[in-house]
N, C-alpha and C. Protein backbone atom coordinates (compact mmCIF):
# COMPACT_ATOMS: atom_id res chain seq x y z
N LEU A 1 97.09 120.82 111.52
CA LEU A 1 98.06 121.90 111.34
C LEU A 1 98.74 122.24 112.66
N ALA A 2 97.97 122.16 113.74
CA ALA A 2 98.58 122.44 115.04
C ALA A 2 99.66 121.40 115.36
N GLY A 3 99.43 120.16 114.97
CA GLY A 3 100.43 119.12 115.19
C GLY A 3 101.70 119.36 114.40
N ILE A 4 101.56 119.85 113.18
CA ILE A 4 102.74 120.16 112.37
C ILE A 4 103.53 121.29 113.01
N VAL A 5 102.83 122.34 113.40
CA VAL A 5 103.51 123.49 114.01
C VAL A 5 104.18 123.08 115.32
N LEU A 6 103.48 122.34 116.16
CA LEU A 6 104.07 121.93 117.44
C LEU A 6 105.22 120.95 117.25
N SER A 7 105.10 120.05 116.29
CA SER A 7 106.19 119.10 116.07
C SER A 7 107.46 119.82 115.60
N LEU A 8 107.29 120.81 114.75
CA LEU A 8 108.47 121.57 114.32
C LEU A 8 109.01 122.43 115.45
N TYR A 9 108.12 123.01 116.27
CA TYR A 9 108.55 123.84 117.39
C TYR A 9 109.29 123.01 118.44
N GLN A 10 108.81 121.79 118.67
CA GLN A 10 109.43 120.91 119.66
C GLN A 10 110.58 120.09 119.07
N ARG A 11 110.92 120.37 117.83
CA ARG A 11 112.00 119.67 117.12
C ARG A 11 111.76 118.18 116.99
N LYS A 12 110.51 117.80 116.86
CA LYS A 12 110.13 116.42 116.55
C LYS A 12 109.80 116.38 115.06
N ILE A 13 110.84 116.40 114.24
CA ILE A 13 110.60 116.56 112.81
C ILE A 13 110.32 115.24 112.09
N PHE A 14 110.53 114.12 112.77
CA PHE A 14 110.34 112.84 112.10
C PHE A 14 108.92 112.64 111.56
N PRO A 15 107.84 112.89 112.34
CA PRO A 15 106.51 112.69 111.75
C PRO A 15 106.22 113.64 110.59
N PHE A 16 106.73 114.86 110.67
CA PHE A 16 106.53 115.82 109.58
C PHE A 16 107.26 115.35 108.31
N LEU A 17 108.51 114.91 108.47
CA LEU A 17 109.26 114.40 107.32
C LEU A 17 108.62 113.15 106.74
N TRP A 18 108.07 112.32 107.61
CA TRP A 18 107.37 111.11 107.17
C TRP A 18 106.22 111.50 106.23
N VAL A 19 105.43 112.47 106.62
CA VAL A 19 104.31 112.93 105.79
C VAL A 19 104.82 113.49 104.47
N VAL A 20 105.86 114.30 104.53
CA VAL A 20 106.40 114.92 103.32
C VAL A 20 106.94 113.86 102.35
N PHE A 21 107.72 112.91 102.87
CA PHE A 21 108.31 111.90 102.00
C PHE A 21 107.25 110.97 101.40
N VAL A 22 106.28 110.54 102.20
CA VAL A 22 105.23 109.67 101.66
C VAL A 22 104.40 110.41 100.63
N THR A 23 104.10 111.67 100.89
CA THR A 23 103.34 112.45 99.93
C THR A 23 104.12 112.61 98.62
N PHE A 24 105.40 112.90 98.73
CA PHE A 24 106.20 113.08 97.53
C PHE A 24 106.41 111.76 96.80
N LEU A 25 106.87 110.73 97.52
CA LEU A 25 107.18 109.46 96.87
C LEU A 25 105.92 108.69 96.48
N GLY A 26 104.90 108.72 97.33
CA GLY A 26 103.69 107.95 97.04
C GLY A 26 102.70 108.67 96.16
N GLY A 27 102.69 109.97 96.22
CA GLY A 27 101.70 110.71 95.46
C GLY A 27 102.22 111.35 94.21
N VAL A 28 103.51 111.66 94.18
CA VAL A 28 104.06 112.39 93.04
C VAL A 28 104.93 111.50 92.17
N MET A 29 105.75 110.69 92.78
CA MET A 29 106.74 109.93 92.02
C MET A 29 106.23 108.59 91.50
N THR A 30 105.06 108.14 91.91
CA THR A 30 104.57 106.85 91.45
C THR A 30 104.01 106.96 90.03
N VAL A 31 104.07 105.84 89.34
CA VAL A 31 103.53 105.80 87.99
C VAL A 31 102.02 105.68 88.08
N GLY A 32 101.34 106.43 87.31
CA GLY A 32 99.88 106.38 87.31
C GLY A 32 99.29 107.48 88.15
N THR A 33 97.98 107.46 88.20
CA THR A 33 97.24 108.47 88.93
C THR A 33 97.39 108.26 90.43
N PRO A 34 97.67 109.31 91.20
CA PRO A 34 97.72 109.14 92.65
C PRO A 34 96.35 108.71 93.19
N SER A 35 96.37 107.77 94.08
CA SER A 35 95.13 107.32 94.69
C SER A 35 95.34 107.17 96.19
N SER A 36 94.26 106.93 96.90
CA SER A 36 94.35 106.87 98.37
C SER A 36 95.23 105.73 98.84
N SER A 37 95.35 104.67 98.06
CA SER A 37 96.19 103.54 98.50
C SER A 37 97.67 103.93 98.54
N HIS A 38 98.06 104.93 97.79
CA HIS A 38 99.46 105.37 97.82
C HIS A 38 99.79 106.11 99.11
N PHE A 39 98.77 106.59 99.80
CA PHE A 39 98.99 107.40 101.00
C PHE A 39 98.73 106.64 102.30
N ILE A 40 98.48 105.34 102.24
CA ILE A 40 98.23 104.56 103.44
C ILE A 40 99.42 104.60 104.41
N PRO A 41 100.67 104.56 103.95
CA PRO A 41 101.79 104.60 104.91
C PRO A 41 101.89 105.89 105.72
N VAL A 42 101.15 106.94 105.36
CA VAL A 42 101.23 108.20 106.09
C VAL A 42 100.28 108.22 107.30
N ILE A 43 99.39 107.26 107.41
CA ILE A 43 98.39 107.27 108.49
C ILE A 43 99.03 107.29 109.88
N PRO A 44 100.04 106.45 110.19
CA PRO A 44 100.64 106.54 111.53
C PRO A 44 101.24 107.91 111.84
N ALA A 45 101.86 108.54 110.85
CA ALA A 45 102.45 109.86 111.09
C ALA A 45 101.37 110.90 111.31
N LEU A 46 100.26 110.81 110.59
CA LEU A 46 99.16 111.75 110.81
C LEU A 46 98.56 111.58 112.20
N CYS A 47 98.41 110.34 112.64
CA CYS A 47 97.91 110.10 114.00
C CYS A 47 98.87 110.67 115.03
N TRP A 48 100.16 110.53 114.78
CA TRP A 48 101.18 111.08 115.66
C TRP A 48 101.07 112.61 115.71
N LEU A 49 100.90 113.24 114.55
CA LEU A 49 100.79 114.70 114.51
C LEU A 49 99.51 115.20 115.18
N VAL A 50 98.44 114.42 115.13
CA VAL A 50 97.21 114.79 115.84
C VAL A 50 97.40 114.62 117.35
N ALA A 51 98.17 113.62 117.74
CA ALA A 51 98.36 113.34 119.17
C ALA A 51 99.25 114.36 119.87
N ILE A 52 100.14 115.01 119.15
CA ILE A 52 101.07 115.96 119.79
C ILE A 52 100.33 117.11 120.46
N PRO A 53 99.42 117.83 119.78
CA PRO A 53 98.73 118.91 120.49
C PRO A 53 97.77 118.40 121.56
N ILE A 54 97.16 117.24 121.32
CA ILE A 54 96.24 116.70 122.34
C ILE A 54 97.01 116.35 123.60
N LYS A 55 98.22 115.79 123.45
CA LYS A 55 99.06 115.47 124.62
C LYS A 55 99.44 116.75 125.36
N ASN A 56 99.77 117.79 124.61
CA ASN A 56 100.12 119.06 125.26
C ASN A 56 98.94 119.64 126.02
N ILE A 57 97.74 119.52 125.48
CA ILE A 57 96.55 120.01 126.17
C ILE A 57 96.28 119.17 127.42
N LEU A 58 96.49 117.86 127.33
CA LEU A 58 96.28 116.99 128.50
C LEU A 58 97.22 117.36 129.65
N GLU A 59 98.40 117.84 129.32
CA GLU A 59 99.38 118.18 130.36
C GLU A 59 99.15 119.55 130.97
N THR A 60 98.18 120.31 130.47
CA THR A 60 97.87 121.62 131.03
C THR A 60 96.83 121.45 132.13
N LYS A 61 96.31 122.59 132.59
CA LYS A 61 95.29 122.51 133.64
C LYS A 61 93.89 122.34 133.07
N TRP A 62 93.76 122.17 131.74
CA TRP A 62 92.46 121.95 131.10
C TRP A 62 92.43 120.62 130.36
N PRO A 63 92.55 119.51 131.04
CA PRO A 63 92.55 118.23 130.33
C PRO A 63 91.20 117.90 129.69
N TYR A 64 90.12 118.53 130.17
CA TYR A 64 88.80 118.24 129.60
C TYR A 64 88.68 118.74 128.16
N VAL A 65 89.47 119.75 127.80
CA VAL A 65 89.48 120.22 126.42
C VAL A 65 90.02 119.12 125.50
N ALA A 66 91.05 118.43 125.96
CA ALA A 66 91.59 117.32 125.18
C ALA A 66 90.57 116.20 125.04
N TYR A 67 89.83 115.92 126.12
CA TYR A 67 88.79 114.89 126.04
C TYR A 67 87.68 115.31 125.07
N LEU A 68 87.35 116.59 125.04
CA LEU A 68 86.35 117.09 124.09
C LEU A 68 86.85 116.97 122.66
N LEU A 69 88.12 117.27 122.43
CA LEU A 69 88.70 117.11 121.10
C LEU A 69 88.68 115.65 120.66
N LEU A 70 89.06 114.76 121.56
CA LEU A 70 89.02 113.32 121.24
C LEU A 70 87.59 112.86 120.95
N ALA A 71 86.64 113.34 121.73
CA ALA A 71 85.23 112.99 121.48
C ALA A 71 84.76 113.54 120.14
N GLY A 72 85.21 114.75 119.79
CA GLY A 72 84.86 115.31 118.49
C GLY A 72 85.43 114.50 117.34
N ILE A 73 86.68 114.05 117.48
CA ILE A 73 87.29 113.21 116.46
C ILE A 73 86.53 111.90 116.33
N LEU A 74 86.20 111.31 117.46
CA LEU A 74 85.46 110.04 117.46
C LEU A 74 84.09 110.20 116.81
N LEU A 75 83.37 111.24 117.17
CA LEU A 75 82.03 111.45 116.59
C LEU A 75 82.10 111.76 115.10
N THR A 76 83.13 112.49 114.69
CA THR A 76 83.30 112.77 113.27
C THR A 76 83.56 111.48 112.48
N ASP A 77 84.43 110.62 113.01
CA ASP A 77 84.70 109.35 112.35
C ASP A 77 83.46 108.46 112.30
N LEU A 78 82.77 108.35 113.42
CA LEU A 78 81.57 107.52 113.45
C LEU A 78 80.51 108.05 112.49
N ASN A 79 80.35 109.36 112.42
CA ASN A 79 79.40 109.96 111.49
C ASN A 79 79.78 109.64 110.05
N PHE A 80 81.06 109.73 109.73
CA PHE A 80 81.46 109.45 108.36
C PHE A 80 81.21 107.99 107.99
N TYR A 81 81.68 107.07 108.83
CA TYR A 81 81.60 105.66 108.46
C TYR A 81 80.20 105.08 108.55
N PHE A 82 79.39 105.55 109.48
CA PHE A 82 78.08 104.93 109.67
C PHE A 82 76.92 105.75 109.12
N VAL A 83 77.15 106.99 108.71
CA VAL A 83 76.07 107.81 108.14
C VAL A 83 76.39 108.17 106.69
N ILE A 84 77.46 108.89 106.49
CA ILE A 84 77.79 109.37 105.15
C ILE A 84 78.23 108.23 104.23
N TYR A 85 79.15 107.41 104.69
CA TYR A 85 79.71 106.34 103.85
C TYR A 85 78.68 105.28 103.52
N THR A 86 77.85 104.90 104.49
CA THR A 86 76.85 103.87 104.22
C THR A 86 75.70 104.38 103.38
N SER A 87 75.41 105.68 103.40
CA SER A 87 74.32 106.20 102.58
C SER A 87 74.74 106.40 101.13
N ASN A 88 76.04 106.40 100.85
CA ASN A 88 76.55 106.54 99.48
C ASN A 88 77.52 105.40 99.18
N PRO A 89 77.02 104.19 99.05
CA PRO A 89 77.95 103.08 98.82
C PRO A 89 78.62 103.18 97.45
N SER A 90 79.83 102.71 97.37
CA SER A 90 80.53 102.74 96.10
C SER A 90 79.95 101.69 95.17
N TYR A 91 80.34 101.75 93.93
CA TYR A 91 79.80 100.83 92.94
C TYR A 91 80.14 99.38 93.27
N ASP A 92 81.29 99.16 93.91
CA ASP A 92 81.68 97.80 94.27
C ASP A 92 80.69 97.14 95.22
N PHE A 93 80.10 97.92 96.11
CA PHE A 93 79.18 97.35 97.09
C PHE A 93 77.80 97.11 96.52
N ARG A 94 77.50 97.63 95.34
CA ARG A 94 76.19 97.43 94.73
C ARG A 94 76.14 96.14 93.92
N LEU A 95 77.28 95.57 93.61
CA LEU A 95 77.31 94.34 92.83
C LEU A 95 77.11 93.14 93.75
N THR A 96 76.45 92.13 93.24
CA THR A 96 76.27 90.92 94.05
C THR A 96 77.58 90.15 94.10
N PHE A 97 77.74 89.39 95.13
CA PHE A 97 78.95 88.59 95.30
C PHE A 97 78.91 87.44 94.30
N PRO A 98 80.00 87.24 93.55
CA PRO A 98 79.97 86.17 92.54
C PRO A 98 79.94 84.80 93.19
N THR A 99 79.12 83.94 92.64
CA THR A 99 79.03 82.56 93.12
C THR A 99 79.19 81.61 91.94
N LEU A 100 79.59 80.41 92.22
CA LEU A 100 79.72 79.41 91.18
C LEU A 100 78.38 78.71 90.96
N ALA A 101 78.01 78.60 89.72
CA ALA A 101 76.75 77.92 89.40
C ALA A 101 76.98 76.41 89.51
N PRO A 102 76.00 75.68 90.09
CA PRO A 102 76.19 74.21 90.23
C PRO A 102 76.09 73.48 88.92
């Protein structure tokens, strides 16, 4: 949210519009149920919006706060992918890989 506010304040509206258009066109206007694959094109814009406040913090006299935020993001991602996600595998990962019988 801070990235959205700062991008609009700094008149960098392109990443915000990118998120709005992908959400509308990929999530609302597509045929069928919205799914996560419809929102993949928004990932670069979200990374851009996260980077805007971190860049502003790096340019202040407290750059260590930005490093702490980056470390928090990294630890959150690592926790999700290697703890939460692996402890609850989806149904696809429970099936054996199909092989051809000789």
